[in-house]
PDB file of N, CA and C in Angstrom:
ATOM      1  N   MET A   1      -7.909  12.201 -20.432  1.00  0.00           N
ATOM      2  CA  MET A   1      -7.098  13.117 -21.565  1.00  0.00           C
ATOM      3  C   MET A   1      -6.020  13.306 -20.094  1.00  0.00           C
ATOM      4  N   ARG A   2      -4.982  13.399 -20.605  1.00  0.00           N
ATOM      5  CA  ARG A   2      -3.849  13.692 -19.626  1.00  0.00           C
ATOM      6  C   ARG A   2      -3.150  14.925 -20.221  1.00  0.00           C
ATOM      7  N   GLY A   3      -2.695  15.414 -19.201  1.00  0.00           N
ATOM      8  CA  GLY A   3      -1.737  16.880 -19.166  1.00  0.00           C
ATOM      9  C   GLY A   3      -0.846  16.735 -18.537  1.00  0.00           C
ATOM     10  N   SER A   4       0.173  17.509 -18.747  1.00  0.00           N
ATOM     11  CA  SER A   4       1.616  17.882 -17.820  1.00  0.00           C
ATOM     12  C   SER A   4       2.004  19.128 -18.457  1.00  0.00           C
ATOM     13  N   GLY A   5       2.736  19.380 -17.590  1.00  0.00           N
ATOM     14  CA  GLY A   5       3.334  21.005 -17.306  1.00  0.00           C
ATOM     15  C   GLY A   5       4.810  20.827 -16.574  1.00  0.00           C
ATOM     16  N   ASP A   6       5.468  21.958 -16.482  1.00  0.00           N
ATOM     17  CA  ASP A   6       6.857  21.908 -16.010  1.00  0.00           C
ATOM     18  C   ASP A   6       6.817  21.196 -14.443  1.00  0.00           C
ATOM     19  N   HIS A   7       5.581  21.079 -14.167  1.00  0.00           N
ATOM     20  CA  HIS A   7       5.902  20.723 -12.211  1.00  0.00           C
ATOM     21  C   HIS A   7       4.548  19.703 -12.355  1.00  0.00           C
ATOM     22  N   ASP A   8       3.957  19.569 -12.726  1.00  0.00           N
ATOM     23  CA  ASP A   8       2.479  18.708 -12.457  1.00  0.00           C
ATOM     24  C   ASP A   8       2.135  17.956 -13.693  1.00  0.00           C
ATOM     25  N   GLN A   9       1.455  16.851 -13.493  1.00  0.00           N
ATOM     26  CA  GLN A   9       0.718  15.948 -14.229  1.00  0.00           C
ATOM     27  C   GLN A   9      -0.789  15.789 -13.999  1.00  0.00           C
ATOM     28  N   THR A  10      -1.436  15.996 -15.019  1.00  0.00           N
ATOM     29  CA  THR A  10      -2.954  15.723 -14.376  1.00  0.00           C
ATOM     30  C   THR A  10      -3.888  14.542 -15.618  1.00  0.00           C
ATOM     31  N   VAL A  11      -4.729  13.891 -14.921  1.00  0.00           N
ATOM     32  CA  VAL A  11      -5.572  13.035 -15.742  1.00  0.00           C
ATOM     33  C   VAL A  11      -6.968  13.596 -15.246  1.00  0.00           C
ATOM     34  N   ARG A  12      -7.656  13.371 -16.365  1.00  0.00           N
ATOM     35  CA  ARG A  12      -9.029  14.409 -16.506  1.00  0.00           C
ATOM     36  C   ARG A  12      -9.841  13.084 -17.162  1.00  0.00           C
ATOM     37  N   VAL A  13     -10.980  12.624 -16.226  1.00  0.00           N
ATOM     38  CA  VAL A  13     -11.577  12.053 -16.880  1.00  0.00           C
ATOM     39  C   VAL A  13     -13.485  12.726 -17.041  1.00  0.00           C
ATOM     40  N   TRP A  14     -13.827  12.877 -18.184  1.00  0.00           N
ATOM     41  CA  TRP A  14     -15.124  13.303 -18.201  1.00  0.00           C
ATOM     42  C   TRP A  14     -15.878  11.996 -18.620  1.00  0.00           C
ATOM     43  N   TYR A  15     -17.348  12.371 -17.995  1.00  0.00           N
ATOM     44  CA  TYR A  15     -18.205  11.484 -18.100  1.00  0.00           C
ATOM     45  C   TYR A  15     -19.722  12.200 -17.940  1.00  0.00           C
ATOM     46  N   GLN A  16     -20.576  12.114 -18.571  1.00  0.00           N
ATOM     47  CA  GLN A  16     -22.114  12.817 -18.995  1.00  0.00           C
ATOM     48  C   GLN A  16     -21.664  14.455 -18.607  1.00  0.00           C
ATOM     49  N   GLY A  17     -20.851  14.967 -19.137  1.00  0.00           N
ATOM     50  CA  GLY A  17     -20.214  16.539 -19.023  1.00  0.00           C
ATOM     51  C   GLY A  17     -19.913  16.714 -17.406  1.00  0.00           C
ATOM     52  N   SER A  18     -19.443  15.996 -16.880  1.00  0.00           N
ATOM     53  CA  SER A  18     -18.796  16.238 -15.479  1.00  0.00           C
ATOM     54  C   SER A  18     -17.438  15.943 -15.461  1.00  0.00           C
ATOM     55  N   LEU A  19     -16.362  16.202 -14.684  1.00  0.00           N
ATOM     56  CA  LEU A  19     -15.276  16.188 -14.726  1.00  0.00           C
ATOM     57  C   LEU A  19     -14.818  15.628 -13.287  1.00  0.00           C
ATOM     58  N   LEU A  20     -13.886  14.438 -13.591  1.00  0.00           N
ATOM     59  CA  LEU A  20     -13.036  14.094 -12.404  1.00  0.00           C
ATOM     60  C   LEU A  20     -11.430  14.334 -12.826  1.00  0.00           C
ATOM     61  N   GLU A  21     -11.068  14.884 -11.879  1.00  0.00           N
ATOM     62  CA  GLU A  21      -9.619  15.217 -12.262  1.00  0.00           C
ATOM     63  C   GLU A  21      -8.323  15.101 -10.772  1.00  0.00           C
ATOM     64  N   MET A  22      -7.583  14.659 -11.554  1.00  0.00           N
ATOM     65  CA  MET A  22      -6.695  13.965 -10.710  1.00  0.00           C
ATOM     66  C   MET A  22      -5.279  14.711 -10.886  1.00  0.00           C
ATOM     67  N   GLY A  23      -4.189  15.264 -10.293  1.00  0.00           N
ATOM     68  CA  GLY A  23      -3.503  15.869 -10.152  1.00  0.00           C
ATOM     69  C   GLY A  23      -2.212  15.586  -9.354  1.00  0.00           C
ATOM     70  N   ALA A  24      -1.177  15.826  -9.530  1.00  0.00           N
ATOM     71  CA  ALA A  24       0.008  15.442  -9.073  1.00  0.00           C
ATOM     72  C   ALA A  24       1.540  16.579  -9.329  1.00  0.00           C
ATOM     73  N   GLY A  25       2.156  16.853  -8.244  1.00  0.00           N
ATOM     74  CA  GLY A  25       3.284  17.415  -9.225  1.00  0.00           C
ATOM     75  C   GLY A  25       3.759  18.440  -7.776  1.00  0.00           C
ATOM     76  N   PHE A  26       4.961  18.553  -7.615  1.00  0.00           N
ATOM     77  CA  PHE A  26       5.607  19.625  -6.089  1.00  0.00           C
ATOM     78  C   PHE A  26       4.755  20.815  -6.471  1.00  0.00           C
ATOM     79  N   HIS A  27       4.357  21.555  -7.528  1.00  0.00           N
ATOM     80  CA  HIS A  27       3.399  22.598  -7.351  1.00  0.00           C
ATOM     81  C   HIS A  27       1.735  22.244  -7.418  1.00  0.00           C
ATOM     82  N   TRP A  28       1.251  21.342  -7.333  1.00  0.00           N
ATOM     83  CA  TRP A  28       0.145  20.777  -7.546  1.00  0.00           C
ATOM     84  C   TRP A  28      -0.676  21.421  -6.531  1.00  0.00           C
ATOM     85  N   THR A  29      -0.073  21.312  -5.299  1.00  0.00           N
ATOM     86  CA  THR A  29      -1.127  21.556  -4.332  1.00  0.00           C
ATOM     87  C   THR A  29       0.374  21.248  -2.772  1.00  0.00           C
ATOM     88  N   TYR A  30       0.201  22.685  -1.631  1.00  0.00           N
ATOM     89  CA  TYR A  30       1.174  22.670  -1.115  1.00  0.00           C
ATOM     90  C   TYR A  30       0.282  21.784   0.564  1.00  0.00           C
ATOM     91  N   THR A  31      -0.836  21.850   0.202  1.00  0.00           N
ATOM     92  CA  THR A  31      -1.423  21.205   1.649  1.00  0.00           C
ATOM     93  C   THR A  31      -2.170  19.982   1.529  1.00  0.00           C
ATOM     94  N   GLY A  32      -2.590  19.890   0.086  1.00  0.00           N
ATOM     95  CA  GLY A  32      -3.464  18.542  -0.103  1.00  0.00           C
ATOM     96  C   GLY A  32      -4.719  18.747   0.561  1.00  0.00           C
ATOM     97  N   LEU A  33      -5.180  20.160   1.119  1.00  0.00           N
ATOM     98  CA  LEU A  33      -6.322  20.181   1.637  1.00  0.00           C
ATOM     99  C   LEU A  33      -7.615  20.988   0.427  1.00  0.00           C
ATOM    100  N   PRO A  34      -8.558  21.072   0.619  1.00  0.00           N
ATOM    101  CA  PRO A  34      -9.550  21.559  -0.372  1.00  0.00           C
ATOM    102  C   PRO A  34      -9.483  23.218   0.266  1.00  0.00           C
ATOM    103  N   ARG A  35      -9.964  23.929  -0.813  1.00  0.00           N
ATOM    104  CA  ARG A  35      -9.844  25.422  -0.522  1.00  0.00           C
ATOM    105  C   ARG A  35     -10.903  25.527   0.679  1.00  0.00           C
ATOM    106  N   GLU A  36     -10.829  26.568   1.526  1.00  0.00           N
ATOM    107  CA  GLU A  36     -11.535  26.958   2.412  1.00  0.00           C
ATOM    108  C   GLU A  36     -13.116  27.584   1.987  1.00  0.00           C
ATOM    109  N   GLU A  37     -13.185  28.015   0.536  1.00  0.00           N
ATOM    110  CA  GLU A  37     -14.433  28.387   0.298  1.00  0.00           C
ATOM    111  C   GLU A  37     -15.159  27.345  -0.194  1.00  0.00           C
ATOM    112  N   GLU A  38     -14.619  26.465  -0.826  1.00  0.00           N
ATOM    113  CA  GLU A  38     -15.096  25.371  -1.016  1.00  0.00           C
ATOM    114  C   GLU A  38     -16.080  24.699  -0.007  1.00  0.00           C
ATOM    115  N   VAL A  39     -15.221  24.364   0.990  1.00  0.00           N
ATOM    116  CA  VAL A  39     -15.775  23.621   2.247  1.00  0.00           C
ATOM    117  C   VAL A  39     -16.907  24.299   2.712  1.00  0.00           C
ATOM    118  N   ALA A  40     -16.906  25.489   2.862  1.00  0.00           N
ATOM    119  CA  ALA A  40     -17.929  26.433   3.433  1.00  0.00           C
ATOM    120  C   ALA A  40     -19.030  26.421   2.710  1.00  0.00           C
ATOM    121  N   ALA A  41     -19.068  26.147   1.281  1.00  0.00           N
ATOM    122  CA  ALA A  41     -19.754  26.236   0.591  1.00  0.00           C
ATOM    123  C   ALA A  41     -21.035  24.962   0.722  1.00  0.00           C
ATOM    124  N   LEU A  42     -20.687  23.928   1.150  1.00  0.00           N
ATOM    125  CA  LEU A  42     -21.210  22.505   1.587  1.00  0.00           C
ATOM    126  C   LEU A  42     -22.324  22.968   2.468  1.00  0.00           C
ATOM    127  N   VAL A  43     -23.309  21.850   2.374  1.00  0.00           N
ATOM    128  CA  VAL A  43     -24.303  22.055   3.240  1.00  0.00           C
ATOM    129  C   VAL A  43     -24.417  20.341   4.197  1.00  0.00           C
ATOM    130  N   ALA A  44     -23.746  19.815   3.583  1.00  0.00           N
ATOM    131  CA  ALA A  44     -23.203  18.305   4.203  1.00  0.00           C
ATOM    132  C   ALA A  44     -21.646  17.968   3.857  1.00  0.00           C
ATOM    133  N   LEU A  45     -20.994  17.575   5.098  1.00  0.00           N
ATOM    134  CA  LEU A  45     -19.946  17.148   5.139  1.00  0.00           C
ATOM    135  C   LEU A  45     -19.443  16.011   5.801  1.00  0.00           C
ATOM    136  N   GLU A  46     -18.629  15.268   5.053  1.00  0.00           N
ATOM    137  CA  GLU A  46     -17.978  13.958   5.667  1.00  0.00           C
ATOM    138  C   GLU A  46     -16.275  14.035   5.658  1.00  0.00           C
ATOM    139  N   GLU A  47     -15.986  13.557   6.712  1.00  0.00           N
ATOM    140  CA  GLU A  47     -14.069  13.890   6.278  1.00  0.00           C
ATOM    141  C   GLU A  47     -13.681  12.557   6.870  1.00  0.00           C
ATOM    142  N   ARG A  48     -12.406  11.960   6.450  1.00  0.00           N
ATOM    143  CA  ARG A  48     -11.928  10.984   7.146  1.00  0.00           C
ATOM    144  C   ARG A  48     -10.600  10.808   6.222  1.00  0.00           C
ATOM    145  N   ASP A  49      -9.570   9.887   6.797  1.00  0.00           N
ATOM    146  CA  ASP A  49      -8.245   9.379   6.471  1.00  0.00           C
ATOM    147  C   ASP A  49      -8.210   7.965   5.329  1.00  0.00           C
ATOM    148  N   VAL A  50      -7.858   8.399   4.485  1.00  0.00           N
ATOM    149  CA  VAL A  50      -8.041   6.938   3.817  1.00  0.00           C
ATOM    150  C   VAL A  50      -6.135   6.600   3.630  1.00  0.00           C
ATOM    151  N   ILE A  51      -5.656   5.385   3.305  1.00  0.00           N
ATOM    152  CA  ILE A  51      -4.033   5.145   3.241  1.00  0.00           C
ATOM    153  C   ILE A  51      -3.939   4.056   2.220  1.00  0.00           C
ATOM    154  N   THR A  52      -3.034   4.458   1.226  1.00  0.00           N
ATOM    155  CA  THR A  52      -2.602   3.636   0.103  1.00  0.00           C
ATOM    156  C   THR A  52      -2.214   2.524   0.521  1.00  0.00           C
ATOM    157  N   PRO A  53      -1.863   1.740  -0.310  1.00  0.00           N
ATOM    158  CA  PRO A  53      -1.064   0.534  -0.265  1.00  0.00           C
ATOM    159  C   PRO A  53       0.357   0.853   0.545  1.00  0.00           C
ATOM    160  N   TRP A  54       0.632   2.036   0.023  1.00  0.00           N
ATOM    161  CA  TRP A  54       2.349   2.553   0.382  1.00  0.00           C
ATOM    162  C   TRP A  54       2.094   3.084   1.468  1.00  0.00           C
ATOM    163  N   ASP A  55       1.167   3.416   2.303  1.00  0.00           N
ATOM    164  CA  ASP A  55       1.378   3.937   3.490  1.00  0.00           C
ATOM    165  C   ASP A  55       1.091   5.638   3.472  1.00  0.00           C
ATOM    166  N   ILE A  56       0.540   5.839   2.488  1.00  0.00           N
ATOM    167  CA  ILE A  56       0.541   7.469   2.422  1.00  0.00           C
ATOM    168  C   ILE A  56      -0.979   7.778   2.595  1.00  0.00           C
ATOM    169  N   PRO A  57      -1.024   8.654   3.828  1.00  0.00           N
ATOM    170  CA  PRO A  57      -2.226   9.062   4.407  1.00  0.00           C
ATOM    171  C   PRO A  57      -2.933  10.414   3.198  1.00  0.00           C
ATOM    172  N   PHE A  58      -4.254  10.302   2.836  1.00  0.00           N
ATOM    173  CA  PHE A  58      -4.508  11.120   1.859  1.00  0.00           C
ATOM    174  C   PHE A  58      -5.822  11.453   2.944  1.00  0.00           C
ATOM    175  N   ALA A  59      -6.415  12.617   3.290  1.00  0.00           N
ATOM    176  CA  ALA A  59      -7.506  13.371   3.714  1.00  0.00           C
ATOM    177  C   ALA A  59      -8.484  13.143   2.583  1.00  0.00           C
ATOM    178  N   GLU A  60      -9.566  12.725   3.067  1.00  0.00           N
ATOM    179  CA  GLU A  60     -10.682  12.580   2.000  1.00  0.00           C
ATOM    180  C   GLU A  60     -11.647  13.401   2.466  1.00  0.00           C
ATOM    181  N   TYR A  61     -12.670  13.958   1.789  1.00  0.00           N
ATOM    182  CA  TYR A  61     -13.787  14.797   2.109  1.00  0.00           C
ATOM    183  C   TYR A  61     -15.030  14.622   1.002  1.00  0.00           C
ATOM    184  N   ARG A  62     -15.923  14.489   1.553  1.00  0.00           N
ATOM    185  CA  ARG A  62     -17.356  14.471   0.558  1.00  0.00           C
ATOM    186  C   ARG A  62     -18.237  15.448   0.973  1.00  0.00           C
ATOM    187  N   GLY A  63     -19.528  15.773   0.097  1.00  0.00           N
ATOM    188  CA  GLY A  63     -19.981  16.750   0.771  1.00  0.00           C
ATOM    189  C   GLY A  63     -21.312  16.953  -0.563  1.00  0.00           C
ATOM    190  N   ARG A  64     -21.777  18.085  -0.033  1.00  0.00           N
ATOM    191  CA  ARG A  64     -23.362  18.311  -0.848  1.00  0.00           C
ATOM    192  C   ARG A  64     -23.303  19.709  -0.544  1.00  0.00           C
ATOM    193  N   ARG A  65     -23.612  20.479  -1.874  1.00  0.00           N
ATOM    194  CA  ARG A  65     -24.151  21.718  -1.841  1.00  0.00           C
ATOM    195  C   ARG A  65     -25.452  22.041  -1.760  1.00  0.00           C
ATOM    196  N   ALA A  66     -26.252  22.780  -1.388  1.00  0.00           N
ATOM    197  CA  ALA A  66     -27.752  23.232  -1.247  1.00  0.00           C
ATOM    198  C   ALA A  66     -28.347  22.861  -2.371  1.00  0.00           C
ATOM    199  N   ASP A  67     -27.735  23.035  -3.319  1.00  0.00           N
ATOM    200  CA  ASP A  67     -28.118  22.759  -5.138  1.00  0.00           C
ATOM    201  C   ASP A  67     -28.258  21.483  -5.336  1.00  0.00           C
ATOM    202  N   GLY A  68     -27.668  20.377  -4.382  1.00  0.00           N
ATOM    203  CA  GLY A  68     -27.565  19.339  -4.830  1.00  0.00           C
ATOM    204  C   GLY A  68     -26.246  18.492  -5.414  1.00  0.00           C
ATOM    205  N   THR A  69     -25.640  19.513  -5.508  1.00  0.00           N
ATOM    206  CA  THR A  69     -24.127  19.212  -6.423  1.00  0.00           C
ATOM    207  C   THR A  69     -23.301  18.283  -5.367  1.00  0.00           C
ATOM    208  N   ARG A  70     -22.776  17.253  -5.513  1.00  0.00           N
ATOM    209  CA  ARG A  70     -22.211  16.119  -4.977  1.00  0.00           C
ATOM    210  C   ARG A  70     -20.858  16.885  -5.514  1.00  0.00           C
ATOM    211  N   TRP A  71     -19.914  16.499  -4.216  1.00  0.00           N
ATOM    212  CA  TRP A  71     -18.637  17.117  -4.414  1.00  0.00           C
ATOM    213  C   TRP A  71     -17.509  15.803  -3.564  1.00  0.00           C
ATOM    214  N   ARG A  72     -16.570  15.859  -4.212  1.00  0.00           N
ATOM    215  CA  ARG A  72     -15.599  14.741  -3.455  1.00  0.00           C
ATOM    216  C   ARG A  72     -14.144  14.988  -3.540  1.00  0.00           C
ATOM    217  N   PHE A  73     -13.117  15.103  -2.626  1.00  0.00           N
ATOM    218  CA  PHE A  73     -11.762  15.416  -2.609  1.00  0.00           C
ATOM    219  C   PHE A  73     -11.285  14.679  -1.728  1.00  0.00           C
ATOM    220  N   LEU A  74      -9.692  14.167  -2.143  1.00  0.00           N
ATOM    221  CA  LEU A  74      -8.646  13.133  -1.523  1.00  0.00           C
ATOM    222  C   LEU A  74      -7.606  14.081  -1.898  1.00  0.00           C
ATOM    223  N   GLY A  75      -6.679  14.339  -0.917  1.00  0.00           N
ATOM    224  CA  GLY A  75      -5.631  15.261  -1.229  1.00  0.00           C
ATOM    225  C   GLY A  75      -4.365  14.512  -0.361  1.00  0.00           C
ATOM    226  N   TYR A  76      -3.173  15.084  -0.839  1.00  0.00           N
ATOM    227  CA  TYR A  76      -2.411  14.855   0.101  1.00  0.00           C
ATOM    228  C   TYR A  76      -0.877  15.939  -0.615  1.00  0.00           C
ATOM    229  N   PHE A  77       0.138  16.242   0.305  1.00  0.00           N
ATOM    230  CA  PHE A  77       0.726  17.221  -0.400  1.00  0.00           C
ATOM    231  C   PHE A  77       1.365  16.894  -1.828  1.00  0.00           C
ATOM    232  N   GLY A  78       1.237  17.776  -2.677  1.00  0.00           N
ATOM    233  CA  GLY A  78       1.343  17.336  -4.183  1.00  0.00           C
ATOM    234  C   GLY A  78       0.438  16.610  -4.853  1.00  0.00           C
ATOM    235  N   GLN A  79      -0.724  15.850  -4.443  1.00  0.00           N
ATOM    236  CA  GLN A  79      -1.581  15.132  -5.120  1.00  0.00           C
ATOM    237  C   GLN A  79      -3.160  15.690  -4.368  1.00  0.00           C
ATOM    238  N   THR A  80      -4.180  15.476  -5.699  1.00  0.00           N
ATOM    239  CA  THR A  80      -5.369  15.384  -5.752  1.00  0.00           C
ATOM    240  C   THR A  80      -6.217  14.801  -6.574  1.00  0.00           C
ATOM    241  N   ILE A  81      -7.318  14.339  -5.847  1.00  0.00           N
ATOM    242  CA  ILE A  81      -8.566  13.760  -6.990  1.00  0.00           C
ATOM    243  C   ILE A  81      -9.471  14.553  -6.526  1.00  0.00           C
ATOM    244  N   ARG A  82     -10.488  14.953  -7.562  1.00  0.00           N
ATOM    245  CA  ARG A  82     -11.594  15.356  -6.818  1.00  0.00           C
ATOM    246  C   ARG A  82     -12.722  15.686  -8.213  1.00  0.00           C
ATOM    247  N   TYR A  83     -13.991  15.894  -7.790  1.00  0.00           N
ATOM    248  CA  TYR A  83     -14.803  16.109  -8.689  1.00  0.00           C
ATOM    249  C   TYR A  83     -16.116  17.078  -8.007  1.00  0.00           C
ATOM    250  N   GLU A  84     -17.016  17.303  -8.675  1.00  0.00           N
ATOM    251  CA  GLU A  84     -18.234  17.958  -8.409  1.00  0.00           C
ATOM    252  C   GLU A  84     -19.215  18.031  -9.409  1.00  0.00           C
ATOM    253  N   THR A  85     -20.313  17.651  -9.398  1.00  0.00           N
ATOM    254  CA  THR A  85     -21.452  17.113 -10.491  1.00  0.00           C
ATOM    255  C   THR A  85     -22.818  17.128  -9.228  1.00  0.00           C
ATOM    256  N   LYS A  86     -23.557  17.480 -10.325  1.00  0.00           N
ATOM    257  CA  LYS A  86     -24.872  17.431 -10.117  1.00  0.00           C
ATOM    258  C   LYS A  86     -25.856  16.235 -10.602  1.00  0.00           C
ATOM    259  N   SER A  87     -24.732  15.396 -11.369  1.00  0.00           N
ATOM    260  CA  SER A  87     -25.290  14.123 -11.742  1.00  0.00           C
ATOM    261  C   SER A  87     -25.101  13.300 -10.847  1.00  0.00           C
ATOM    262  N   GLY A  88     -25.979  12.465 -10.237  1.00  0.00           N
ATOM    263  CA  GLY A  88     -25.872  11.286  -9.741  1.00  0.00           C
ATOM    264  C   GLY A  88     -25.057   9.884 -10.235  1.00  0.00           C
ATOM    265  N   ALA A  89     -25.504   9.767 -11.782  1.00  0.00           N
ATOM    266  CA  ALA A  89     -24.846   8.923 -12.304  1.00  0.00           C
ATOM    267  C   ALA A  89     -23.001   9.217 -12.462  1.00  0.00           C
ATOM    268  N   ALA A  90     -22.946  10.318 -12.677  1.00  0.00           N
ATOM    269  CA  ALA A  90     -21.304  10.763 -13.022  1.00  0.00           C
ATOM    270  C   ALA A  90     -20.500  10.704 -11.319  1.00  0.00           C
ATOM    271  N   ALA A  91     -21.551  11.006 -10.495  1.00  0.00           N
ATOM    272  CA  ALA A  91     -20.660  10.990  -9.180  1.00  0.00           C
ATOM    273  C   ALA A  91     -20.706   9.346  -8.727  1.00  0.00           C
ATOM    274  N   ALA A  92     -21.620   8.517  -9.072  1.00  0.00           N
ATOM    275  CA  ALA A  92     -21.204   6.880  -9.061  1.00  0.00           C
ATOM    276  C   ALA A  92     -20.129   6.792  -9.706  1.00  0.00           C
ATOM    277  N   TYR A  93     -20.017   6.692 -10.943  1.00  0.00           N
ATOM    278  CA  TYR A  93     -18.990   6.349 -12.064  1.00  0.00           C
ATOM    279  C   TYR A  93     -17.537   6.787 -11.246  1.00  0.00           C
ATOM    280  N   PHE A  94     -17.586   8.274 -10.755  1.00  0.00           N
ATOM    281  CA  PHE A  94     -16.198   8.821 -10.641  1.00  0.00           C
ATOM    282  C   PHE A  94     -16.068   8.207  -9.360  1.00  0.00           C
ATOM    283  N   ASP A  95     -16.822   7.826  -8.218  1.00  0.00           N
ATOM    284  CA  ASP A  95     -16.848   7.020  -7.159  1.00  0.00           C
ATOM    285  C   ASP A  95     -16.304   5.612  -7.221  1.00  0.00           C
ATOM    286  N   ARG A  96     -16.511   4.846  -8.523  1.00  0.00           N
ATOM    287  CA  ARG A  96     -16.011   3.537  -8.439  1.00  0.00           C
ATOM    288  C   ARG A  96     -14.484   3.578  -9.097  1.00  0.00           C
ATOM    289  N   ILE A  97     -14.030   5.204 -10.015  1.00  0.00           N
ATOM    290  CA  ILE A  97     -12.920   5.085 -10.091  1.00  0.00           C
ATOM    291  C   ILE A  97     -11.883   5.013  -9.115  1.00  0.00           C
ATOM    292  N   ILE A  98     -12.343   6.256  -8.467  1.00  0.00           N
ATOM    293  CA  ILE A  98     -11.689   6.571  -6.737  1.00  0.00           C
ATOM    294  C   ILE A  98     -11.412   5.211  -6.168  1.00  0.00           C
ATOM    295  N   ASP A  99     -12.460   4.753  -6.057  1.00  0.00           N
ATOM    296  CA  ASP A  99     -12.751   3.503  -5.045  1.00  0.00           C
ATOM    297  C   ASP A  99     -11.814   2.698  -5.689  1.00  0.00           C
ATOM    298  N   SER A 100     -11.460   2.222  -6.662  1.00  0.00           N
ATOM    299  CA  SER A 100     -10.689   1.308  -7.382  1.00  0.00           C
ATOM    300  C   SER A 100      -9.294   1.415  -7.564  1.00  0.00           C
ATOM    301  N   LEU A 101      -8.803   2.676  -6.487  1.00  0.00           N
ATOM    302  CA  LEU A 101      -7.141   3.142  -6.272  1.00  0.00           C
ATOM    303  C   LEU A 101      -6.616   2.360  -5.021  1.00  0.00           C
ATOM    304  N   CYS A 102      -7.204   1.422  -4.351  1.00  0.00           N
ATOM    305  CA  CYS A 102      -6.908   0.427  -3.432  1.00  0.00           C
ATOM    306  C   CYS A 102      -6.741   1.358  -1.877  1.00  0.00           C
ATOM    307  N   TRP A 103      -7.581   2.080  -1.662  1.00  0.00           N
ATOM    308  CA  TRP A 103      -7.346   2.311   0.017  1.00  0.00           C
ATOM    309  C   TRP A 103      -7.592   2.011   0.818  1.00  0.00           C
ATOM    310  N   THR A 104      -7.391   2.128   1.881  1.00  0.00           N
ATOM    311  CA  THR A 104      -8.153   1.466   3.299  1.00  0.00           C
ATOM    312  C   THR A 104      -8.376   2.927   4.225  1.00  0.00           C
ATOM    313  N   HIS A 105      -9.462   2.361   4.779  1.00  0.00           N
ATOM    314  CA  HIS A 105      -9.786   3.627   5.833  1.00  0.00           C
ATOM    315  C   HIS A 105      -9.139   3.318   6.983  1.00  0.00           C
ATOM    316  N   SER A 106      -9.039   4.792   7.700  1.00  0.00           N
ATOM    317  CA  SER A 106      -8.454   4.562   8.676  1.00  0.00           C
ATOM    318  C   SER A 106      -9.687   5.321  10.087  1.00  0.00           C
TER     319      SER A 106
END
């Protein structure tokens, strides 16, 4: 599903009741980073930088909550890709979508 407002655009993918959301726009995010309260709620966290073919660095965070919810976030000024789900199948499906976007790791 696609959406747009005056200053942003989103693409949402639903799979087995879980949501992957990609958003971009001037007012979408000013930092490209996840909210502090999201990160604080994680019991496991991995962080790294990924680079697009256009040499744009994104911050990537992957984590897990105490209840087993899987969480992934990639961000850059004005753009984010994110999901959180308890479904391992949905997480794997969303990871394949994200990983198909031609990232390299630094």
